[in-house]
Amino acid sequence: MTTAPILNSAEAQAAITGVAQAYGIDPKRAAPAVASLADAVTARLTRLTLSRGGIADIVGLLGDPNAQRALSEPSTATDQATIDDGNHVLDVLIGNKHVSRGIAQRAASQSGIDVEVAKKLLPVVASMIIGGMQKTAEPQIAKIASKIPAAQRATSTPSNNGSPLPIPGDNIPGVGRRAPGNNPFENLPDIIRRGGTQAPGGGGSLENVLRQIIGSLLGNNSGVVGTIIKGLVLRWVANFVRRMLTRAPA
């Protein structure tokens, strides 16, 4: 599975059509803009799979009970609640408004839509991608979490484990900016960040098993090592482009 099937689904197409109408976009230009934005979101997800903290961040997003709102209710794609969901995703994946603006500018130049409209599209696309991934991954992750007692969400008393445990040197964007709500994986990101937990039933560390699940959703069938190598290449390319843009004359 890749993000293409998500965007080609009937739900996503309905949401994209609604967004295009709401923002006055030519549907022929909306499609390439959405594809460009989706590619950027997918690239950021792939980069996050490089680290244990990144895997924890993605699992946290996939457990968000509101993740599928844009797909399950396409008419709400431009509602503030859906946009807030998408901005939360972007905060975790990117955490930098300058990078987000660059992604929107690139999509605008490639599709011919206005850059301000591309900025509005970005959180909607991010929300759709996470929602589509959740639809497939949630049962797999829930099965794993159900066999890890510490991963169970407290139902009778408030849990103090909702906030992930920071690891020195890890950048954990978005932490504390949203209440856990009914996230069934509320404690799982913390367990992943602590490390040392083996996946129930064998298969290796919890981190690597989840990395494989997420990698397959992103269209990467190269295994753990392949995912890391691909992510390192993406990181090198991104840093190279950033350096070139910095050196470019104003």
C-alpha atoms as a PDB file:
ATOM      1  CA  MET A   1       0.000   0.000   0.000  1.00  0.00           C
ATOM      2  CA  THR A   2       1.136   3.555  -0.762  1.00  0.00           C
ATOM      3  CA  THR A   3      -0.553   6.896  -0.283  1.00  0.00           C
ATOM      4  CA  ALA A   4      -1.839   6.786  -3.897  1.00  0.00           C
ATOM      5  CA  PRO A   5      -4.721   4.414  -3.050  1.00  0.00           C
ATOM      6  CA  ILE A   6      -5.689   6.720  -0.193  1.00  0.00           C
ATOM      7  CA  LEU A   7      -5.982   9.725  -2.497  1.00  0.00           C
ATOM      8  CA  ASN A   8      -7.734   7.679  -5.183  1.00  0.00           C
ATOM      9  CA  SER A   9     -10.379   6.337  -2.808  1.00  0.00           C
ATOM     10  CA  ALA A  10     -13.960   7.512  -3.239  1.00  0.00           C
ATOM     11  CA  GLU A  11     -13.844   9.233   0.151  1.00  0.00           C
ATOM     12  CA  ALA A  12     -10.664  11.152  -0.638  1.00  0.00           C
ATOM     13  CA  GLN A  13     -11.918  12.158  -4.081  1.00  0.00           C
ATOM     14  CA  ALA A  14     -15.123  13.472  -2.526  1.00  0.00           C
ATOM     15  CA  ALA A  15     -13.106  15.452   0.011  1.00  0.00           C
ATOM     16  CA  ILE A  16     -10.777  16.832  -2.682  1.00  0.00           C
ATOM     17  CA  THR A  17     -13.749  17.861  -4.841  1.00  0.00           C
ATOM     18  CA  GLY A  18     -15.337  19.610  -1.878  1.00  0.00           C
ATOM     19  CA  VAL A  19     -12.123  21.426  -1.026  1.00  0.00           C
ATOM     20  CA  ALA A  20     -11.634  22.491  -4.647  1.00  0.00           C
ATOM     21  CA  GLN A  21     -15.125  23.941  -4.744  1.00  0.00           C
ATOM     22  CA  ALA A  22     -14.745  25.640  -1.368  1.00  0.00           C
ATOM     23  CA  TYR A  23     -11.482  27.319  -2.367  1.00  0.00           C
ATOM     24  CA  GLY A  24     -12.456  27.989  -5.968  1.00  0.00           C
ATOM     25  CA  ILE A  25      -9.774  25.734  -7.464  1.00  0.00           C
ATOM     26  CA  ASP A  26      -9.942  24.305 -10.961  1.00  0.00           C
ATOM     27  CA  PRO A  27     -10.297  20.530 -10.370  1.00  0.00           C
ATOM     28  CA  LYS A  28      -7.634  19.885 -13.032  1.00  0.00           C
ATOM     29  CA  ARG A  29      -5.171  21.917 -10.973  1.00  0.00           C
ATOM     30  CA  ALA A  30      -6.328  20.593  -7.617  1.00  0.00           C
ATOM     31  CA  ALA A  31      -5.262  17.014  -8.443  1.00  0.00           C
ATOM     32  CA  PRO A  32      -1.544  17.742  -9.115  1.00  0.00           C
ATOM     33  CA  ALA A  33      -1.441  20.112  -6.135  1.00  0.00           C
ATOM     34  CA  VAL A  34      -2.810  17.423  -3.836  1.00  0.00           C
ATOM     35  CA  ALA A  35      -0.367  14.863  -5.279  1.00  0.00           C
ATOM     36  CA  SER A  36       2.589  17.191  -4.668  1.00  0.00           C
ATOM     37  CA  LEU A  37       1.496  17.901  -1.099  1.00  0.00           C
ATOM     38  CA  ALA A  38       0.920  14.186  -0.465  1.00  0.00           C
ATOM     39  CA  ASP A  39       4.417  13.360  -1.712  1.00  0.00           C
ATOM     40  CA  ALA A  40       5.883  15.869   0.731  1.00  0.00           C
ATOM     41  CA  VAL A  41       3.862  14.486   3.650  1.00  0.00           C
ATOM     42  CA  THR A  42       4.882  10.928   2.734  1.00  0.00           C
ATOM     43  CA  ALA A  43       8.542  11.952   2.588  1.00  0.00           C
ATOM     44  CA  ARG A  44       8.324  13.460   6.077  1.00  0.00           C
ATOM     45  CA  LEU A  45       6.682  10.275   7.387  1.00  0.00           C
ATOM     46  CA  THR A  46       9.470   8.188   5.858  1.00  0.00           C
ATOM     47  CA  ARG A  47      12.113  10.376   7.499  1.00  0.00           C
ATOM     48  CA  LEU A  48      10.424   9.948  10.878  1.00  0.00           C
ATOM     49  CA  THR A  49      10.740   6.169  10.619  1.00  0.00           C
ATOM     50  CA  LEU A  50      14.511   6.571  10.997  1.00  0.00           C
ATOM     51  CA  SER A  51      14.316   7.064  14.748  1.00  0.00           C
ATOM     52  CA  ARG A  52      12.590   5.431  17.679  1.00  0.00           C
ATOM     53  CA  GLY A  53      11.083   8.791  18.595  1.00  0.00           C
ATOM     54  CA  GLY A  54       9.795   9.196  15.048  1.00  0.00           C
ATOM     55  CA  ILE A  55       8.073   5.796  15.132  1.00  0.00           C
ATOM     56  CA  ALA A  56       6.482   6.819  18.431  1.00  0.00           C
ATOM     57  CA  ASP A  57       5.242  10.080  16.876  1.00  0.00           C
ATOM     58  CA  ILE A  58       3.649   8.258  13.944  1.00  0.00           C
ATOM     59  CA  VAL A  59       1.976   5.688  16.211  1.00  0.00           C
ATOM     60  CA  GLY A  60       0.581   8.570  18.247  1.00  0.00           C
ATOM     61  CA  LEU A  61      -0.913  10.094  15.087  1.00  0.00           C
ATOM     62  CA  LEU A  62      -2.364   6.767  13.973  1.00  0.00           C
ATOM     63  CA  GLY A  63      -4.147   6.395  17.305  1.00  0.00           C
ATOM     64  CA  ASP A  64      -5.888   9.772  17.076  1.00  0.00           C
ATOM     65  CA  PRO A  65      -9.654   9.086  17.209  1.00  0.00           C
ATOM     66  CA  ASN A  66     -10.253  12.006  14.836  1.00  0.00           C
ATOM     67  CA  ALA A  67      -7.738  10.883  12.201  1.00  0.00           C
ATOM     68  CA  GLN A  68     -10.324   9.633   9.707  1.00  0.00           C
ATOM     69  CA  ARG A  69     -12.647  12.635   9.927  1.00  0.00           C
ATOM     70  CA  ALA A  70     -11.695  14.077   6.509  1.00  0.00           C
ATOM     71  CA  LEU A  71     -12.250  10.712   4.808  1.00  0.00           C
ATOM     72  CA  SER A  72     -15.299   9.457   6.703  1.00  0.00           C
ATOM     73  CA  GLU A  73     -17.037  12.831   6.434  1.00  0.00           C
ATOM     74  CA  PRO A  74     -15.773  14.459   3.207  1.00  0.00           C
ATOM     75  CA  SER A  75     -18.168  17.386   3.647  1.00  0.00           C
ATOM     76  CA  THR A  76     -16.157  18.426   6.732  1.00  0.00           C
ATOM     77  CA  ALA A  77     -12.837  18.650   4.857  1.00  0.00           C
ATOM     78  CA  THR A  78     -12.735  22.441   5.156  1.00  0.00           C
ATOM     79  CA  ASP A  79     -14.219  22.627   8.650  1.00  0.00           C
ATOM     80  CA  GLN A  80     -12.010  24.178  11.299  1.00  0.00           C
ATOM     81  CA  ALA A  81     -11.919  20.943  13.304  1.00  0.00           C
ATOM     82  CA  THR A  82     -10.531  19.018  10.317  1.00  0.00           C
ATOM     83  CA  ILE A  83      -8.018  21.756   9.586  1.00  0.00           C
ATOM     84  CA  ASP A  84      -6.938  21.694  13.234  1.00  0.00           C
ATOM     85  CA  ASP A  85      -6.447  17.925  12.956  1.00  0.00           C
ATOM     86  CA  GLY A  86      -4.289  18.434   9.873  1.00  0.00           C
ATOM     87  CA  ASN A  87      -2.253  21.186  11.495  1.00  0.00           C
ATOM     88  CA  HIS A  88      -1.566  18.883  14.430  1.00  0.00           C
ATOM     89  CA  VAL A  89      -0.258  16.266  11.971  1.00  0.00           C
ATOM     90  CA  LEU A  90       1.960  18.889  10.327  1.00  0.00           C
ATOM     91  CA  ASP A  91       3.194  20.041  13.730  1.00  0.00           C
ATOM     92  CA  VAL A  92       4.359  16.505  14.474  1.00  0.00           C
ATOM     93  CA  LEU A  93       5.731  15.724  11.006  1.00  0.00           C
ATOM     94  CA  ILE A  94       7.359  19.063  10.259  1.00  0.00           C
ATOM     95  CA  GLY A  95       7.171  21.413  13.238  1.00  0.00           C
ATOM     96  CA  ASN A  96       8.478  24.302  11.147  1.00  0.00           C
ATOM     97  CA  LYS A  97       6.258  26.854   9.397  1.00  0.00           C
ATOM     98  CA  HIS A  98       9.020  27.809   6.975  1.00  0.00           C
ATOM     99  CA  VAL A  99       9.263  24.217   5.727  1.00  0.00           C
ATOM    100  CA  SER A 100       5.474  24.007   5.427  1.00  0.00           C
ATOM    101  CA  ARG A 101       5.437  27.200   3.374  1.00  0.00           C
ATOM    102  CA  GLY A 102       8.122  25.766   1.100  1.00  0.00           C
ATOM    103  CA  ILE A 103       6.034  22.646   0.532  1.00  0.00           C
ATOM    104  CA  ALA A 104       3.002  24.781  -0.328  1.00  0.00           C
ATOM    105  CA  GLN A 105       5.029  26.991  -2.677  1.00  0.00           C
ATOM    106  CA  ARG A 106       6.360  23.959  -4.527  1.00  0.00           C
ATOM    107  CA  ALA A 107       2.858  22.514  -4.921  1.00  0.00           C
ATOM    108  CA  ALA A 108       1.581  25.863  -6.159  1.00  0.00           C
ATOM    109  CA  SER A 109       4.319  26.197  -8.762  1.00  0.00           C
ATOM    110  CA  GLN A 110       3.791  22.641  -9.995  1.00  0.00           C
ATOM    111  CA  SER A 111       0.019  22.914 -10.286  1.00  0.00           C
ATOM    112  CA  GLY A 112      -0.598  26.573 -11.043  1.00  0.00           C
ATOM    113  CA  ILE A 113      -2.824  27.225  -8.039  1.00  0.00           C
ATOM    114  CA  ASP A 114      -2.369  30.183  -5.715  1.00  0.00           C
ATOM    115  CA  VAL A 115       0.192  29.583  -2.965  1.00  0.00           C
ATOM    116  CA  GLU A 116      -2.260  30.732  -0.281  1.00  0.00           C
ATOM    117  CA  VAL A 117      -4.706  28.088  -1.453  1.00  0.00           C
ATOM    118  CA  ALA A 118      -1.923  25.487  -1.379  1.00  0.00           C
ATOM    119  CA  LYS A 119      -1.273  26.428   2.246  1.00  0.00           C
ATOM    120  CA  LYS A 120      -4.938  25.774   3.039  1.00  0.00           C
ATOM    121  CA  LEU A 121      -4.823  22.448   1.215  1.00  0.00           C
ATOM    122  CA  LEU A 122      -1.768  21.139   3.066  1.00  0.00           C
ATOM    123  CA  PRO A 123      -3.416  20.349   6.445  1.00  0.00           C
ATOM    124  CA  VAL A 124      -6.382  18.731   4.690  1.00  0.00           C
ATOM    125  CA  VAL A 125      -4.079  16.470   2.668  1.00  0.00           C
ATOM    126  CA  ALA A 126      -2.018  15.627   5.768  1.00  0.00           C
ATOM    127  CA  SER A 127      -5.197  14.678   7.622  1.00  0.00           C
ATOM    128  CA  MET A 128      -6.380  12.473   4.749  1.00  0.00           C
ATOM    129  CA  ILE A 129      -3.068  10.607   4.541  1.00  0.00           C
ATOM    130  CA  ILE A 130      -2.956   9.843   8.270  1.00  0.00           C
ATOM    131  CA  GLY A 131      -6.638   8.855   8.186  1.00  0.00           C
ATOM    132  CA  GLY A 132      -6.059   6.458   5.305  1.00  0.00           C
ATOM    133  CA  MET A 133      -3.028   4.935   7.016  1.00  0.00           C
ATOM    134  CA  GLN A 134      -4.957   4.557  10.259  1.00  0.00           C
ATOM    135  CA  LYS A 135      -7.749   2.648   8.501  1.00  0.00           C
ATOM    136  CA  THR A 136      -5.278  -0.079   7.543  1.00  0.00           C
ATOM    137  CA  ALA A 137      -2.776   0.055  10.407  1.00  0.00           C
ATOM    138  CA  GLU A 138      -5.028   0.457  13.447  1.00  0.00           C
ATOM    139  CA  PRO A 139      -6.102  -3.227  13.629  1.00  0.00           C
ATOM    140  CA  GLN A 140      -2.481  -4.389  13.348  1.00  0.00           C
ATOM    141  CA  ILE A 141      -1.194  -1.982  15.979  1.00  0.00           C
ATOM    142  CA  ALA A 142      -4.163  -2.648  18.260  1.00  0.00           C
ATOM    143  CA  LYS A 143      -3.422  -6.384  18.135  1.00  0.00           C
ATOM    144  CA  ILE A 144       0.163  -5.740  19.217  1.00  0.00           C
ATOM    145  CA  ALA A 145      -0.833  -3.236  21.904  1.00  0.00           C
ATOM    146  CA  SER A 146      -3.459  -5.627  23.322  1.00  0.00           C
ATOM    147  CA  LYS A 147      -0.664  -8.027  24.291  1.00  0.00           C
ATOM    148  CA  ILE A 148       1.386  -5.359  26.085  1.00  0.00           C
ATOM    149  CA  PRO A 149      -0.264  -4.657  29.473  1.00  0.00           C
ATOM    150  CA  ALA A 150       1.468  -1.297  29.897  1.00  0.00           C
ATOM    151  CA  ALA A 151       0.071  -0.134  26.544  1.00  0.00           C
ATOM    152  CA  GLN A 152      -3.529  -0.364  27.661  1.00  0.00           C
ATOM    153  CA  ARG A 153      -5.272   2.955  28.113  1.00  0.00           C
ATOM    154  CA  ALA A 154      -6.529   3.533  31.639  1.00  0.00           C
ATOM    155  CA  THR A 155     -10.335   3.583  31.741  1.00  0.00           C
ATOM    156  CA  SER A 156     -11.098   4.058  35.415  1.00  0.00           C
ATOM    157  CA  THR A 157      -8.353   6.371  36.599  1.00  0.00           C
ATOM    158  CA  PRO A 158      -6.420   9.066  34.743  1.00  0.00           C
ATOM    159  CA  SER A 159      -3.078   7.935  33.388  1.00  0.00           C
ATOM    160  CA  ASN A 160       0.109   9.875  33.985  1.00  0.00           C
ATOM    161  CA  ASN A 161       1.745   8.131  31.052  1.00  0.00           C
ATOM    162  CA  GLY A 162      -0.001  10.094  28.320  1.00  0.00           C
ATOM    163  CA  SER A 163       2.950  12.405  27.760  1.00  0.00           C
ATOM    164  CA  PRO A 164       5.836  10.587  26.058  1.00  0.00           C
ATOM    165  CA  LEU A 165       9.095  10.181  27.902  1.00  0.00           C
ATOM    166  CA  PRO A 166      11.705  12.419  26.243  1.00  0.00           C
ATOM    167  CA  ILE A 167      15.007  10.892  25.223  1.00  0.00           C
ATOM    168  CA  PRO A 168      18.063  13.198  25.315  1.00  0.00           C
ATOM    169  CA  GLY A 169      18.638  14.567  21.835  1.00  0.00           C
ATOM    170  CA  ASP A 170      15.196  13.588  20.539  1.00  0.00           C
ATOM    171  CA  ASN A 171      13.000  16.277  19.038  1.00  0.00           C
ATOM    172  CA  ILE A 172       9.438  15.518  20.040  1.00  0.00           C
ATOM    173  CA  PRO A 173       7.231  18.114  18.282  1.00  0.00           C
ATOM    174  CA  GLY A 174       3.607  18.511  19.227  1.00  0.00           C
ATOM    175  CA  VAL A 175       3.945  16.958  22.700  1.00  0.00           C
ATOM    176  CA  GLY A 176       1.513  18.504  25.155  1.00  0.00           C
ATOM    177  CA  ARG A 177      -0.373  20.464  22.513  1.00  0.00           C
ATOM    178  CA  ARG A 178      -3.311  18.071  22.307  1.00  0.00           C
ATOM    179  CA  ALA A 179      -5.109  16.078  24.977  1.00  0.00           C
ATOM    180  CA  PRO A 180      -4.861  12.299  24.478  1.00  0.00           C
ATOM    181  CA  GLY A 181      -8.664  11.964  24.268  1.00  0.00           C
ATOM    182  CA  ASN A 182      -9.761   8.414  23.419  1.00  0.00           C
ATOM    183  CA  ASN A 183      -6.518   7.404  21.738  1.00  0.00           C
ATOM    184  CA  PRO A 184      -6.368   3.608  22.146  1.00  0.00           C
ATOM    185  CA  PHE A 185      -2.574   3.766  21.850  1.00  0.00           C
ATOM    186  CA  GLU A 186      -2.243   6.482  24.489  1.00  0.00           C
ATOM    187  CA  ASN A 187       0.637   4.803  26.328  1.00  0.00           C
ATOM    188  CA  LEU A 188       2.269   3.060  23.366  1.00  0.00           C
ATOM    189  CA  PRO A 189       4.406   6.022  22.148  1.00  0.00           C
ATOM    190  CA  ASP A 190       5.955   6.281  25.622  1.00  0.00           C
ATOM    191  CA  ILE A 191       6.795   2.562  25.606  1.00  0.00           C
ATOM    192  CA  ILE A 192       8.375   2.856  22.157  1.00  0.00           C
ATOM    193  CA  ARG A 193      10.543   5.806  23.234  1.00  0.00           C
ATOM    194  CA  ARG A 194      11.788   3.933  26.292  1.00  0.00           C
ATOM    195  CA  GLY A 195      12.957   1.091  24.046  1.00  0.00           C
ATOM    196  CA  GLY A 196      13.846  -2.440  25.055  1.00  0.00           C
ATOM    197  CA  THR A 197      10.361  -3.906  24.546  1.00  0.00           C
ATOM    198  CA  GLN A 198      10.061  -6.994  22.348  1.00  0.00           C
ATOM    199  CA  ALA A 199       7.043  -7.429  20.101  1.00  0.00           C
ATOM    200  CA  PRO A 200       4.601 -10.039  21.441  1.00  0.00           C
ATOM    201  CA  GLY A 201       4.932 -13.406  19.698  1.00  0.00           C
ATOM    202  CA  GLY A 202       8.454 -12.744  18.440  1.00  0.00           C
ATOM    203  CA  GLY A 203       9.521 -10.808  15.381  1.00  0.00           C
ATOM    204  CA  GLY A 204      12.041  -8.555  17.075  1.00  0.00           C
ATOM    205  CA  SER A 205      11.851  -5.289  18.946  1.00  0.00           C
ATOM    206  CA  LEU A 206       8.560  -3.411  19.186  1.00  0.00           C
ATOM    207  CA  GLU A 207      10.169  -0.480  17.415  1.00  0.00           C
ATOM    208  CA  ASN A 208      11.239  -2.526  14.389  1.00  0.00           C
ATOM    209  CA  VAL A 209       7.961  -4.429  14.079  1.00  0.00           C
ATOM    210  CA  LEU A 210       6.046  -1.141  14.032  1.00  0.00           C
ATOM    211  CA  ARG A 211       8.589   0.301  11.600  1.00  0.00           C
ATOM    212  CA  GLN A 212       7.832  -2.560   9.216  1.00  0.00           C
ATOM    213  CA  ILE A 213       4.076  -1.980   9.493  1.00  0.00           C
ATOM    214  CA  ILE A 214       4.438   1.747   8.860  1.00  0.00           C
ATOM    215  CA  GLY A 215       6.981   1.174   6.079  1.00  0.00           C
ATOM    216  CA  SER A 216       4.549  -1.086   4.229  1.00  0.00           C
ATOM    217  CA  LEU A 217       1.889   1.616   4.433  1.00  0.00           C
ATOM    218  CA  LEU A 218       4.310   4.060   2.854  1.00  0.00           C
ATOM    219  CA  GLY A 219       5.047   1.661   0.011  1.00  0.00           C
ATOM    220  CA  ASN A 220       8.411   0.542   1.343  1.00  0.00           C
ATOM    221  CA  ASN A 221       8.884  -3.212   1.220  1.00  0.00           C
ATOM    222  CA  SER A 222      12.642  -3.079   1.809  1.00  0.00           C
ATOM    223  CA  GLY A 223      12.499  -4.112   5.456  1.00  0.00           C
ATOM    224  CA  VAL A 224      14.004  -2.279   8.398  1.00  0.00           C
ATOM    225  CA  VAL A 225      17.452  -1.728   6.874  1.00  0.00           C
ATOM    226  CA  GLY A 226      15.970  -0.613   3.555  1.00  0.00           C
ATOM    227  CA  THR A 227      13.687   1.849   5.320  1.00  0.00           C
ATOM    228  CA  ILE A 228      16.609   3.356   7.199  1.00  0.00           C
ATOM    229  CA  ILE A 229      18.750   3.622   4.051  1.00  0.00           C
ATOM    230  CA  LYS A 230      15.913   5.217   2.103  1.00  0.00           C
ATOM    231  CA  GLY A 231      15.292   7.656   4.941  1.00  0.00           C
ATOM    232  CA  LEU A 232      18.966   8.598   5.110  1.00  0.00           C
ATOM    233  CA  VAL A 233      18.973   9.299   1.367  1.00  0.00           C
ATOM    234  CA  LEU A 234      15.881  11.477   1.730  1.00  0.00           C
ATOM    235  CA  ARG A 235      17.491  13.335   4.615  1.00  0.00           C
ATOM    236  CA  TRP A 236      20.692  13.913   2.597  1.00  0.00           C
ATOM    237  CA  VAL A 237      18.736  15.193  -0.420  1.00  0.00           C
ATOM    238  CA  ALA A 238      16.636  17.497   1.761  1.00  0.00           C
ATOM    239  CA  ASN A 239      19.715  18.931   3.460  1.00  0.00           C
ATOM    240  CA  PHE A 240      21.474  19.374   0.105  1.00  0.00           C
ATOM    241  CA  VAL A 241      18.500  21.251  -1.377  1.00  0.00           C
ATOM    242  CA  ARG A 242      18.245  23.395   1.750  1.00  0.00           C
ATOM    243  CA  ARG A 243      21.943  24.328   1.508  1.00  0.00           C
ATOM    244  CA  MET A 244      21.594  25.200  -2.180  1.00  0.00           C
ATOM    245  CA  LEU A 245      18.572  27.397  -1.505  1.00  0.00           C
ATOM    246  CA  THR A 246      20.433  29.129   1.316  1.00  0.00           C
ATOM    247  CA  ARG A 247      23.366  29.923  -0.989  1.00  0.00           C
ATOM    248  CA  ALA A 248      21.154  31.092  -3.861  1.00  0.00           C
ATOM    249  CA  PRO A 249      21.287  34.860  -4.473  1.00  0.00           C
ATOM    250  CA  ALA A 250      18.254  36.794  -3.271  1.00  0.00           C
END
